[in-house]
Amino acid sequence: MGATHDAATHKLRLLGERIRGRRTTKLFLKQKVSRKLILDAIEVARWAPNHHLTEPWHFYLLGEKTIARAVELTRVVVTERKDASIGDFKARSAAERPGWLVVTCRKSDDELLQQEDYASCCCAIQNLMLYLSEAGVASKWATGPITRDQRFYDLLGVNSQAAFVVGLVWYGYPKMLPQQTRRAIDEITTELE
């Protein structure tokens, strides 16, 4: 039992380190991530819990032409909301992100089902990002204005009456991983008898 317990404890420690070590990254190397690795990450993502096995997600893996159009749309959307200098800055920043993946969630008229499906899609994105992190690929889950703009839906060919964007996941090999801390467990936990 001792060796088995030690091995299990070691695996749990490694898993905990991986979860704590996954950081949102904004600065990426210009190195491409293999399509196979991304498809493998999507395969793992789809095993997220989903009530009644609704599998409400869809993954859009963007190629270079679509990314270029999305970068330009970022410029337009931010310029409309802020000004041209900020639009140019955001577009330059977006253009530096080597990989783009969009995750959508099927819409439902049932409010409870919609909540459950949205939560499932969030779990799927976390699965995907943890898998990529284990492979040395960093990511950033974005929900900025472009993800709510009808022109982005049109660019992707997404019917906005039937689905909504849960997240735009930028990914690539990191230039650096930021350090972060979290509040103490006793600040966020209440034990009830």
Protein backbone atom coordinates (compact mmCIF):
# COMPACT_ATOMS: atom_id res chain seq x y z
CA MET A 1 0.00 0.00 0.00
CA GLY A 2 2.89 2.39 0.76
CA ALA A 3 4.34 2.41 -2.79
CA THR A 4 0.88 2.75 -4.34
CA HIS A 5 -0.01 5.59 -1.98
CA ASP A 6 3.30 7.35 -2.70
CA ALA A 7 2.76 7.03 -6.46
CA ALA A 8 -0.78 8.40 -6.16
CA THR A 9 0.42 11.28 -4.00
CA HIS A 10 3.16 12.05 -6.52
CA LYS A 11 0.63 12.08 -9.40
CA LEU A 12 -1.65 14.40 -7.46
CA ARG A 13 1.25 16.72 -6.67
CA LEU A 14 2.20 16.86 -10.36
CA LEU A 15 -1.40 17.56 -11.36
CA GLY A 16 -1.63 20.33 -8.78
CA GLU A 17 1.60 21.85 -10.06
CA ARG A 18 0.31 21.77 -13.65
CA ILE A 19 -2.96 23.45 -12.71
CA ARG A 20 -1.20 26.13 -10.64
CA GLY A 21 1.46 26.58 -13.33
CA ARG A 22 -0.94 27.26 -16.21
CA ARG A 23 -0.86 31.01 -16.64
CA THR A 24 -2.56 33.41 -19.01
CA THR A 25 0.10 34.51 -21.46
CA LYS A 26 0.14 37.49 -23.80
CA LEU A 27 3.64 37.23 -25.25
CA PHE A 28 4.32 34.37 -27.64
CA LEU A 29 7.24 33.22 -29.75
CA LYS A 30 6.75 33.23 -33.53
CA GLN A 31 6.94 29.43 -33.54
CA LYS A 32 3.89 27.58 -34.89
CA VAL A 33 2.05 24.98 -32.84
CA SER A 34 1.27 21.78 -34.71
CA ARG A 35 -2.29 21.30 -35.92
CA LYS A 36 -2.20 17.75 -34.54
CA LEU A 37 -1.46 19.02 -31.02
CA ILE A 38 -4.41 21.43 -31.21
CA LEU A 39 -6.71 18.68 -32.50
CA ASP A 40 -5.48 16.42 -29.67
CA ALA A 41 -6.29 19.22 -27.20
CA ILE A 42 -9.80 19.56 -28.69
CA GLU A 43 -10.24 15.80 -28.36
CA VAL A 44 -9.45 16.09 -24.63
CA ALA A 45 -11.56 19.25 -24.25
CA ARG A 46 -14.71 17.47 -25.40
CA TRP A 47 -14.54 15.15 -22.39
CA ALA A 48 -15.62 17.99 -20.12
CA PRO A 49 -18.67 17.28 -17.98
CA ASN A 50 -21.90 18.18 -19.76
CA HIS A 51 -25.32 17.58 -18.25
CA HIS A 52 -27.41 15.09 -20.25
CA LEU A 53 -24.43 14.75 -22.66
CA THR A 54 -25.54 17.80 -24.63
CA GLU A 55 -22.00 18.42 -25.98
CA PRO A 56 -22.94 22.07 -26.61
CA TRP A 57 -19.54 23.21 -27.88
CA HIS A 58 -18.05 23.80 -31.29
CA PHE A 59 -14.38 24.61 -31.96
CA TYR A 60 -13.22 26.89 -34.78
CA LEU A 61 -9.53 26.53 -35.58
CA LEU A 62 -8.56 29.69 -37.49
CA GLY A 63 -6.04 29.64 -40.33
CA GLU A 64 -3.78 32.47 -41.44
CA LYS A 65 -6.32 34.16 -43.76
CA THR A 66 -9.07 34.15 -41.15
CA ILE A 67 -6.66 35.36 -38.46
CA ALA A 68 -5.62 38.27 -40.71
CA ARG A 69 -9.29 39.21 -41.20
CA ALA A 70 -9.92 38.90 -37.45
CA VAL A 71 -6.93 41.16 -36.71
CA GLU A 72 -8.34 43.80 -39.06
CA LEU A 73 -11.79 43.42 -37.50
CA THR A 74 -10.17 43.92 -34.09
CA ARG A 75 -8.78 47.23 -35.37
CA VAL A 76 -12.22 48.29 -36.61
CA VAL A 77 -14.16 47.23 -33.50
CA VAL A 78 -11.74 48.85 -31.04
CA THR A 79 -11.48 52.02 -33.15
CA GLU A 80 -15.28 52.31 -33.16
CA ARG A 81 -15.43 51.84 -29.38
CA LYS A 82 -12.32 53.84 -28.39
CA ASP A 83 -10.17 55.55 -31.05
CA ALA A 84 -7.83 54.77 -33.94
CA SER A 85 -4.60 54.71 -31.89
CA ILE A 86 -6.01 52.13 -29.47
CA GLY A 87 -7.48 50.20 -32.41
CA ASP A 88 -4.06 50.10 -34.08
CA PHE A 89 -2.40 49.00 -30.82
CA LYS A 90 -4.94 46.18 -30.24
CA ALA A 91 -4.59 45.01 -33.86
CA ARG A 92 -0.77 44.91 -33.62
CA SER A 93 -1.06 42.99 -30.36
CA ALA A 94 -3.59 40.53 -31.85
CA ALA A 95 -1.36 39.97 -34.88
CA GLU A 96 1.44 38.78 -32.55
CA ARG A 97 -0.69 35.84 -31.35
CA PRO A 98 0.27 32.82 -33.46
CA GLY A 99 -2.73 30.55 -32.84
CA TRP A 100 -6.43 31.36 -32.67
CA LEU A 101 -9.20 29.01 -31.58
CA VAL A 102 -12.80 30.08 -31.01
CA VAL A 103 -15.17 28.05 -28.83
CA THR A 104 -18.92 28.53 -29.18
CA CYS A 105 -21.86 27.25 -27.17
CA ARG A 106 -25.21 26.21 -28.58
CA LYS A 107 -28.03 28.54 -27.47
CA SER A 108 -31.07 27.24 -25.64
CA ASP A 109 -34.42 28.79 -24.71
CA ASP A 110 -34.25 26.77 -21.48
CA GLU A 111 -32.41 29.07 -19.04
CA LEU A 112 -31.15 26.25 -16.81
CA LEU A 113 -29.90 24.22 -19.78
CA GLN A 114 -28.17 27.35 -21.15
CA GLN A 115 -26.37 27.83 -17.82
CA GLU A 116 -25.32 24.19 -17.70
CA ASP A 117 -24.14 24.23 -21.33
CA TYR A 118 -22.15 27.44 -20.81
CA ALA A 119 -20.49 25.90 -17.73
CA SER A 120 -19.67 22.79 -19.77
CA CYS A 121 -18.03 24.90 -22.47
CA CYS A 122 -15.97 26.70 -19.83
CA CYS A 123 -14.83 23.32 -18.49
CA ALA A 124 -13.93 22.25 -22.04
CA ILE A 125 -11.81 25.37 -22.52
CA GLN A 126 -10.02 24.69 -19.23
CA ASN A 127 -9.38 21.07 -20.28
CA LEU A 128 -7.95 22.35 -23.58
CA MET A 129 -5.70 24.92 -21.94
CA LEU A 130 -4.40 22.44 -19.34
CA TYR A 131 -3.60 19.93 -22.09
CA LEU A 132 -1.75 22.59 -24.08
CA SER A 133 0.08 23.74 -20.95
CA GLU A 134 1.30 20.20 -20.34
CA ALA A 135 2.71 20.27 -23.91
CA GLY A 136 4.53 23.56 -23.21
CA VAL A 137 2.01 25.69 -25.11
CA ALA A 138 0.65 28.78 -23.36
CA SER A 139 -2.76 30.33 -23.89
CA LYS A 140 -4.98 33.31 -23.21
CA TRP A 141 -8.77 32.97 -22.98
CA ALA A 142 -10.21 36.23 -24.32
CA THR A 143 -13.79 37.51 -24.17
CA GLY A 144 -13.26 41.01 -25.54
CA PRO A 145 -15.59 43.07 -27.72
CA ILE A 146 -14.74 41.21 -30.94
CA THR A 147 -16.25 38.02 -29.46
CA ARG A 148 -19.62 39.76 -29.18
CA ASP A 149 -19.56 41.53 -32.53
CA GLN A 150 -21.87 40.22 -35.27
CA ARG A 151 -19.13 40.80 -37.85
CA PHE A 152 -16.95 38.25 -36.02
CA TYR A 153 -19.79 35.71 -36.15
CA ASP A 154 -20.15 36.43 -39.87
CA LEU A 155 -16.39 36.01 -40.39
CA LEU A 156 -16.51 32.59 -38.72
CA GLY A 157 -19.77 31.53 -40.34
CA VAL A 158 -21.46 31.19 -36.93
CA ASN A 159 -25.22 31.62 -36.75
CA SER A 160 -25.56 34.04 -33.82
CA GLN A 161 -29.19 32.99 -33.36
CA ALA A 162 -28.08 29.41 -32.66
CA ALA A 163 -24.74 29.83 -30.82
CA PHE A 164 -22.60 32.35 -28.97
CA VAL A 165 -18.85 32.72 -28.48
CA VAL A 166 -17.67 31.54 -25.07
CA GLY A 167 -14.06 32.38 -25.72
CA LEU A 168 -11.34 33.19 -28.16
CA VAL A 169 -8.28 31.19 -27.11
CA TRP A 170 -4.97 32.56 -28.31
CA TYR A 171 -2.17 30.03 -28.03
CA GLY A 172 1.52 29.58 -28.79
CA TYR A 173 4.88 28.89 -27.25
CA PRO A 174 5.45 31.48 -24.52
CA LYS A 175 8.18 34.09 -24.47
CA MET A 176 7.71 34.10 -20.70
CA LEU A 177 5.17 32.87 -18.16
CA PRO A 178 3.90 35.45 -15.69
CA GLN A 179 3.90 34.75 -11.96
CA GLN A 180 0.70 35.07 -9.93
CA THR A 181 -0.63 34.49 -6.47
CA ARG A 182 -4.07 33.68 -5.10
CA ARG A 183 -5.87 34.57 -1.88
CA ALA A 184 -5.38 32.21 1.05
CA ILE A 185 -7.69 29.19 1.24
CA ASP A 186 -9.17 30.35 4.56
CA GLU A 187 -10.29 33.59 2.86
CA ILE A 188 -12.36 31.75 0.26
CA THR A 189 -13.58 28.69 2.18
CA THR A 190 -16.42 28.33 4.65
CA GLU A 191 -16.81 25.01 6.44
CA LEU A 192 -20.31 24.16 7.60
CA GLU A 193 -21.23 21.39 10.06
